[in-house]
């Protein structure tokens, strides 16, 4: 490895170590709200834990909910599991008008409704030369 490559790698590792929200990292401390759907009444509100998850537990069967996320520190990937719709994925760009990503889910009454949020992954560049 060339000396300047080692220095660049060390700088990148230091930078990533100083920032919790690097590509693919779980996002801790993000507000997640469940609103009853229809009706819009508040059902629950949580903040994501260190693994980027908010676990709302098992909710009444057949009840619909709207999951609202935000605010976010940057682009993120959201997955909602446990609903009758199966796993629902959404990529959120905070610059878009849909930055809070309302996601509709219906409780099965037997599975936990879990929302998982991580920072959006950086796309690889095929023209980058790896020496």
N, C-alpha and C. Protein backbone atom coordinates (compact mmCIF):
# COMPACT_ATOMS: atom_id res chain seq x y z
N UNK A 1 0.84 -1.17 0.00
CA UNK A 1 0.00 0.00 0.00
C UNK A 1 0.89 1.24 0.00
N UNK A 2 0.59 2.18 -0.85
CA UNK A 2 1.36 3.41 -0.93
C UNK A 2 1.10 4.28 0.30
N UNK A 3 2.09 5.06 0.76
CA UNK A 3 1.92 5.88 1.96
C UNK A 3 0.72 6.82 1.89
N UNK A 4 0.49 7.44 0.73
CA UNK A 4 -0.64 8.38 0.67
C UNK A 4 -1.98 7.63 0.70
N UNK A 5 -2.02 6.38 0.22
CA UNK A 5 -3.26 5.58 0.32
C UNK A 5 -3.54 5.22 1.78
N UNK A 6 -2.50 4.90 2.53
CA UNK A 6 -2.67 4.57 3.95
C UNK A 6 -3.18 5.77 4.71
N UNK A 7 -2.66 6.96 4.40
CA UNK A 7 -3.10 8.19 5.06
C UNK A 7 -4.55 8.48 4.72
N UNK A 8 -4.93 8.31 3.45
CA UNK A 8 -6.31 8.54 3.04
C UNK A 8 -7.24 7.56 3.74
N UNK A 9 -6.86 6.30 3.83
CA UNK A 9 -7.67 5.29 4.51
C UNK A 9 -7.81 5.63 5.98
N UNK A 10 -6.73 6.04 6.63
CA UNK A 10 -6.78 6.41 8.05
C UNK A 10 -7.70 7.59 8.26
N UNK A 11 -7.66 8.58 7.37
CA UNK A 11 -8.54 9.74 7.48
C UNK A 11 -10.00 9.33 7.33
N UNK A 12 -10.28 8.42 6.40
CA UNK A 12 -11.66 7.96 6.19
C UNK A 12 -12.18 7.21 7.41
N UNK A 13 -11.35 6.37 7.99
CA UNK A 13 -11.75 5.61 9.18
C UNK A 13 -12.02 6.58 10.34
N UNK A 14 -11.16 7.59 10.50
CA UNK A 14 -11.36 8.57 11.57
C UNK A 14 -12.68 9.31 11.36
N UNK A 15 -12.94 9.74 10.10
CA UNK A 15 -14.16 10.47 9.80
C UNK A 15 -15.39 9.63 10.12
N UNK A 16 -15.41 8.38 9.68
CA UNK A 16 -16.55 7.51 9.93
C UNK A 16 -16.73 7.25 11.41
N UNK A 17 -15.64 7.14 12.13
CA UNK A 17 -15.74 6.92 13.57
C UNK A 17 -16.32 8.10 14.32
N UNK A 18 -16.21 9.29 13.74
CA UNK A 18 -16.71 10.50 14.38
C UNK A 18 -18.16 10.81 14.05
N UNK A 19 -18.74 10.12 13.07
CA UNK A 19 -20.09 10.40 12.62
C UNK A 19 -20.94 9.14 12.69
N UNK A 20 -21.99 9.18 13.53
CA UNK A 20 -22.84 8.01 13.74
C UNK A 20 -23.68 7.68 12.51
N UNK A 21 -24.01 8.69 11.69
CA UNK A 21 -24.93 8.47 10.58
C UNK A 21 -24.19 8.25 9.27
N UNK A 22 -23.30 7.24 9.22
CA UNK A 22 -22.65 6.91 7.95
C UNK A 22 -23.50 5.91 7.21
N UNK A 23 -23.20 5.71 5.94
CA UNK A 23 -24.03 4.89 5.07
C UNK A 23 -24.34 3.53 5.65
N UNK A 24 -25.64 3.22 5.75
CA UNK A 24 -26.07 1.92 6.23
C UNK A 24 -26.11 1.80 7.74
N UNK A 25 -25.74 2.85 8.46
CA UNK A 25 -25.74 2.80 9.93
C UNK A 25 -27.15 2.95 10.47
N UNK A 26 -27.47 2.25 11.56
CA UNK A 26 -28.79 2.44 12.18
C UNK A 26 -28.90 3.88 12.68
N UNK A 27 -30.08 4.47 12.53
CA UNK A 27 -30.29 5.83 12.98
C UNK A 27 -31.00 5.83 14.33
N UNK A 28 -30.28 6.23 15.36
CA UNK A 28 -30.80 6.29 16.73
C UNK A 28 -31.42 7.67 16.97
N UNK A 29 -32.49 7.68 17.77
CA UNK A 29 -33.10 8.93 18.20
C UNK A 29 -34.05 9.57 17.20
N UNK A 30 -34.55 8.80 16.23
CA UNK A 30 -35.49 9.33 15.23
C UNK A 30 -36.92 9.12 15.73
N UNK A 31 -37.73 10.17 15.65
CA UNK A 31 -39.13 10.08 16.07
C UNK A 31 -39.92 9.22 15.10
N UNK A 32 -40.70 8.30 15.66
CA UNK A 32 -41.59 7.44 14.88
C UNK A 32 -42.96 7.51 15.54
N UNK A 33 -43.97 7.87 14.75
CA UNK A 33 -45.33 8.00 15.27
C UNK A 33 -46.26 7.03 14.57
N UNK A 34 -47.18 6.47 15.33
CA UNK A 34 -48.26 5.64 14.78
C UNK A 34 -49.54 6.42 14.96
N UNK A 35 -50.24 6.61 13.86
CA UNK A 35 -51.56 7.24 13.93
C UNK A 35 -52.60 6.24 13.47
N UNK A 36 -53.75 6.21 14.13
CA UNK A 36 -54.81 5.28 13.70
C UNK A 36 -55.31 5.69 12.34
N UNK A 37 -55.56 4.68 11.51
CA UNK A 37 -56.00 4.92 10.15
C UNK A 37 -57.18 4.00 9.87
N UNK A 38 -58.38 4.47 9.66
CA UNK A 38 -58.77 5.87 9.56
C UNK A 38 -58.93 6.52 10.93
N UNK A 39 -59.13 7.80 10.89
CA UNK A 39 -59.39 8.54 12.12
C UNK A 39 -58.26 9.47 12.50
N UNK A 40 -57.03 9.02 12.28
CA UNK A 40 -55.89 9.88 12.55
C UNK A 40 -55.53 10.07 14.00
N UNK A 41 -56.26 9.45 14.92
CA UNK A 41 -55.92 9.59 16.33
C UNK A 41 -54.55 9.00 16.63
N UNK A 42 -53.83 9.63 17.54
CA UNK A 42 -52.49 9.14 17.89
C UNK A 42 -52.60 7.81 18.62
N UNK A 43 -51.84 6.82 18.18
CA UNK A 43 -51.84 5.50 18.82
C UNK A 43 -50.60 5.35 19.69
N UNK A 44 -49.44 5.76 19.17
CA UNK A 44 -48.19 5.61 19.92
C UNK A 44 -47.10 6.46 19.28
N UNK A 45 -46.10 6.76 20.10
CA UNK A 45 -44.93 7.52 19.62
C UNK A 45 -43.70 6.96 20.31
N UNK A 46 -42.65 6.73 19.53
CA UNK A 46 -41.40 6.21 20.08
C UNK A 46 -40.22 6.90 19.39
N UNK A 47 -39.04 6.64 19.94
CA UNK A 47 -37.79 7.08 19.34
C UNK A 47 -36.97 5.83 19.07
N UNK A 48 -36.30 5.79 17.92
CA UNK A 48 -35.52 4.60 17.58
C UNK A 48 -34.38 4.40 18.57
N UNK A 49 -34.09 3.14 18.86
CA UNK A 49 -33.02 2.78 19.79
C UNK A 49 -31.68 2.73 19.06
N UNK A 50 -30.65 2.25 19.73
CA UNK A 50 -29.30 2.20 19.16
C UNK A 50 -29.22 1.34 17.90
N UNK A 51 -30.15 0.40 17.74
CA UNK A 51 -30.15 -0.45 16.54
C UNK A 51 -31.03 0.14 15.44
N UNK A 52 -31.54 1.37 15.64
CA UNK A 52 -32.37 2.03 14.65
C UNK A 52 -33.80 1.53 14.61
N UNK A 53 -34.23 0.84 15.68
CA UNK A 53 -35.57 0.22 15.69
C UNK A 53 -36.50 0.87 16.71
N UNK A 54 -37.78 0.88 16.34
CA UNK A 54 -38.86 1.25 17.25
C UNK A 54 -39.84 0.08 17.22
N UNK A 55 -39.99 -0.61 18.33
CA UNK A 55 -40.83 -1.81 18.43
C UNK A 55 -42.13 -1.43 19.13
N UNK A 56 -43.24 -1.42 18.39
CA UNK A 56 -44.53 -1.03 18.94
C UNK A 56 -45.30 -2.21 19.52
N UNK A 57 -44.73 -3.40 19.45
CA UNK A 57 -45.37 -4.58 20.01
C UNK A 57 -46.53 -5.07 19.15
N UNK A 58 -47.32 -5.97 19.70
CA UNK A 58 -48.47 -6.53 19.00
C UNK A 58 -49.65 -5.59 19.22
N UNK A 59 -50.26 -5.17 18.14
CA UNK A 59 -51.38 -4.23 18.19
C UNK A 59 -52.66 -4.93 17.79
N UNK A 60 -53.83 -4.35 18.11
CA UNK A 60 -55.11 -5.01 17.82
C UNK A 60 -55.27 -5.41 16.35
N UNK A 61 -55.73 -6.64 16.13
CA UNK A 61 -55.89 -7.21 14.79
C UNK A 61 -56.84 -6.36 13.95
N UNK A 62 -56.43 -6.13 12.70
CA UNK A 62 -57.27 -5.42 11.75
C UNK A 62 -57.19 -3.91 11.83
N UNK A 63 -56.57 -3.36 12.86
CA UNK A 63 -56.46 -1.91 12.99
C UNK A 63 -55.41 -1.40 12.02
N UNK A 64 -55.73 -0.36 11.28
CA UNK A 64 -54.79 0.26 10.36
C UNK A 64 -54.05 1.39 11.06
N UNK A 65 -52.80 1.59 10.66
CA UNK A 65 -51.96 2.65 11.22
C UNK A 65 -51.20 3.35 10.11
N UNK A 66 -50.92 4.61 10.34
CA UNK A 66 -50.02 5.36 9.48
C UNK A 66 -48.76 5.61 10.28
N UNK A 67 -47.63 5.15 9.75
CA UNK A 67 -46.33 5.35 10.38
C UNK A 67 -45.73 6.62 9.79
N UNK A 68 -45.33 7.55 10.66
CA UNK A 68 -44.71 8.80 10.22
C UNK A 68 -43.34 8.91 10.85
N UNK A 69 -42.34 9.23 10.05
CA UNK A 69 -40.94 9.28 10.48
C UNK A 69 -40.45 10.71 10.40
N UNK A 70 -39.61 11.10 11.36
CA UNK A 70 -38.90 12.36 11.15
C UNK A 70 -38.81 13.22 12.37
N UNK A 71 -38.01 14.23 12.30
CA UNK A 71 -37.16 14.62 11.17
C UNK A 71 -35.93 13.71 11.07
N UNK A 72 -35.30 13.75 9.90
CA UNK A 72 -34.14 12.91 9.62
C UNK A 72 -32.90 13.76 9.36
N UNK A 73 -31.72 13.24 9.70
CA UNK A 73 -30.48 13.99 9.47
C UNK A 73 -30.00 13.93 8.02
N UNK A 74 -30.60 13.09 7.21
CA UNK A 74 -30.20 12.91 5.81
C UNK A 74 -31.07 11.84 5.20
N UNK A 75 -30.71 11.37 4.03
CA UNK A 75 -31.49 10.32 3.38
C UNK A 75 -31.46 9.05 4.23
N UNK A 76 -32.56 8.31 4.22
CA UNK A 76 -32.66 7.12 5.06
C UNK A 76 -33.47 6.04 4.36
N UNK A 77 -33.29 4.82 4.84
CA UNK A 77 -34.08 3.68 4.40
C UNK A 77 -34.92 3.24 5.59
N UNK A 78 -36.20 3.02 5.34
CA UNK A 78 -37.14 2.63 6.39
C UNK A 78 -37.76 1.29 6.02
N UNK A 79 -37.88 0.42 7.01
CA UNK A 79 -38.57 -0.85 6.82
C UNK A 79 -39.58 -1.00 7.95
N UNK A 80 -40.82 -1.31 7.61
CA UNK A 80 -41.86 -1.58 8.60
C UNK A 80 -42.23 -3.04 8.46
N UNK A 81 -42.10 -3.79 9.55
CA UNK A 81 -42.41 -5.22 9.55
C UNK A 81 -43.57 -5.50 10.50
N UNK A 82 -44.26 -6.60 10.25
CA UNK A 82 -45.29 -7.07 11.15
C UNK A 82 -46.70 -6.75 10.71
N UNK A 83 -46.85 -5.98 9.64
CA UNK A 83 -48.18 -5.64 9.16
C UNK A 83 -48.69 -6.68 8.19
N UNK A 84 -49.98 -6.64 7.90
CA UNK A 84 -50.60 -7.57 6.96
C UNK A 84 -50.03 -7.40 5.56
N UNK A 85 -49.41 -6.25 5.29
CA UNK A 85 -48.84 -5.96 3.97
C UNK A 85 -47.48 -6.61 3.77
N UNK A 86 -46.95 -7.27 4.79
CA UNK A 86 -45.60 -7.81 4.74
C UNK A 86 -44.60 -6.71 5.05
N UNK A 87 -43.34 -6.94 4.75
CA UNK A 87 -42.33 -5.91 5.01
C UNK A 87 -42.49 -4.80 3.97
N UNK A 88 -42.59 -3.58 4.46
CA UNK A 88 -42.74 -2.41 3.59
C UNK A 88 -41.45 -1.61 3.66
N UNK A 89 -40.85 -1.32 2.50
CA UNK A 89 -39.60 -0.57 2.43
C UNK A 89 -39.86 0.80 1.82
N UNK A 90 -39.16 1.78 2.33
CA UNK A 90 -39.26 3.13 1.76
C UNK A 90 -37.93 3.83 1.90
N UNK A 91 -37.48 4.46 0.84
CA UNK A 91 -36.28 5.30 0.92
C UNK A 91 -36.77 6.73 1.04
N UNK A 92 -36.21 7.47 1.98
CA UNK A 92 -36.67 8.82 2.25
C UNK A 92 -35.55 9.82 1.97
N UNK A 93 -35.88 10.82 1.19
CA UNK A 93 -34.97 11.93 0.94
C UNK A 93 -35.56 13.13 1.67
N UNK A 94 -34.86 13.66 2.70
CA UNK A 94 -35.43 14.76 3.47
C UNK A 94 -35.68 16.01 2.65
N UNK A 95 -35.09 16.12 1.47
CA UNK A 95 -35.31 17.29 0.63
C UNK A 95 -36.63 17.19 -0.15
N UNK A 96 -37.22 16.00 -0.20
CA UNK A 96 -38.46 15.82 -0.96
C UNK A 96 -39.66 16.24 -0.15
N UNK A 97 -40.79 16.39 -0.81
CA UNK A 97 -42.03 16.78 -0.12
C UNK A 97 -42.56 15.63 0.72
N UNK A 98 -42.12 14.40 0.45
CA UNK A 98 -42.59 13.21 1.17
C UNK A 98 -41.60 12.83 2.28
N UNK A 99 -40.91 13.83 2.87
CA UNK A 99 -39.81 13.53 3.78
C UNK A 99 -40.23 12.82 5.05
N UNK A 100 -41.49 12.88 5.42
CA UNK A 100 -41.89 12.17 6.63
C UNK A 100 -42.38 10.76 6.34
N UNK A 101 -42.48 10.41 5.08
CA UNK A 101 -42.77 9.04 4.66
C UNK A 101 -43.94 8.39 5.35
N UNK A 102 -45.17 8.89 5.18
CA UNK A 102 -46.28 8.16 5.77
C UNK A 102 -46.39 6.78 5.13
N UNK A 103 -46.41 5.75 5.97
CA UNK A 103 -46.47 4.36 5.51
C UNK A 103 -47.68 3.72 6.18
N UNK A 104 -48.59 3.17 5.39
CA UNK A 104 -49.79 2.55 5.95
C UNK A 104 -49.56 1.07 6.21
N UNK A 105 -49.92 0.61 7.40
CA UNK A 105 -49.83 -0.80 7.77
C UNK A 105 -51.10 -1.20 8.51
N UNK A 106 -51.41 -2.49 8.42
CA UNK A 106 -52.56 -3.05 9.13
C UNK A 106 -52.06 -4.16 10.04
N UNK A 107 -52.41 -4.10 11.31
CA UNK A 107 -51.94 -5.08 12.27
C UNK A 107 -52.57 -6.45 12.01
N UNK A 108 -51.74 -7.49 12.13
CA UNK A 108 -52.24 -8.86 12.00
C UNK A 108 -52.75 -9.38 13.34
N UNK A 109 -52.44 -8.66 14.39
CA UNK A 109 -52.85 -9.08 15.73
C UNK A 109 -51.95 -10.15 16.32
N UNK A 110 -50.98 -10.63 15.56
CA UNK A 110 -50.10 -11.69 16.06
C UNK A 110 -48.63 -11.35 15.92
N UNK A 111 -48.30 -10.36 15.11
CA UNK A 111 -46.90 -9.99 14.90
C UNK A 111 -46.64 -8.60 15.47
N UNK A 112 -45.43 -8.38 15.92
CA UNK A 112 -45.03 -7.08 16.45
C UNK A 112 -44.83 -6.12 15.28
N UNK A 113 -45.30 -4.90 15.42
CA UNK A 113 -45.06 -3.86 14.43
C UNK A 113 -43.71 -3.21 14.79
N UNK A 114 -42.72 -3.39 13.92
CA UNK A 114 -41.37 -2.87 14.16
C UNK A 114 -40.98 -1.99 12.99
N UNK A 115 -40.51 -0.78 13.32
CA UNK A 115 -40.01 0.15 12.32
C UNK A 115 -38.49 0.19 12.47
N UNK A 116 -37.77 0.01 11.37
CA UNK A 116 -36.30 0.05 11.40
C UNK A 116 -35.81 1.11 10.43
N UNK A 117 -34.92 1.99 10.91
CA UNK A 117 -34.42 3.09 10.08
C UNK A 117 -32.90 3.06 10.07
N UNK A 118 -32.33 3.18 8.88
CA UNK A 118 -30.88 3.29 8.75
C UNK A 118 -30.57 4.35 7.70
N UNK A 119 -29.36 4.89 7.77
CA UNK A 119 -28.98 5.89 6.77
C UNK A 119 -28.92 5.22 5.40
N UNK A 120 -29.21 6.00 4.36
CA UNK A 120 -29.20 5.45 3.01
C UNK A 120 -27.79 5.04 2.63
N UNK A 121 -27.70 3.96 1.93
CA UNK A 121 -26.39 3.45 1.51
C UNK A 121 -25.83 4.28 0.37
N UNK A 122 -24.54 4.47 0.39
CA UNK A 122 -23.87 5.18 -0.68
C UNK A 122 -23.73 4.24 -1.87
N UNK A 123 -24.09 4.70 -3.05
CA UNK A 123 -23.97 3.86 -4.24
C UNK A 123 -22.51 3.81 -4.65
N UNK A 124 -22.07 2.63 -5.05
CA UNK A 124 -20.67 2.50 -5.48
C UNK A 124 -20.50 3.11 -6.85
N UNK A 125 -19.31 3.59 -7.11
CA UNK A 125 -18.98 4.19 -8.39
C UNK A 125 -18.12 3.20 -9.17
N UNK A 126 -18.63 2.72 -10.29
CA UNK A 126 -17.89 1.71 -11.05
C UNK A 126 -16.64 2.27 -11.70
N UNK A 127 -16.53 3.60 -11.80
CA UNK A 127 -15.35 4.17 -12.42
C UNK A 127 -14.23 4.49 -11.44
N UNK A 128 -14.41 4.14 -10.18
CA UNK A 128 -13.37 4.37 -9.18
C UNK A 128 -12.30 3.29 -9.33
N UNK A 129 -11.06 3.69 -9.32
CA UNK A 129 -9.95 2.77 -9.50
C UNK A 129 -9.43 2.34 -8.13
N UNK A 130 -9.51 1.07 -7.80
CA UNK A 130 -9.06 0.56 -6.51
C UNK A 130 -7.65 0.01 -6.64
N UNK A 131 -6.65 0.78 -6.25
CA UNK A 131 -5.26 0.35 -6.30
C UNK A 131 -4.79 -0.10 -4.94
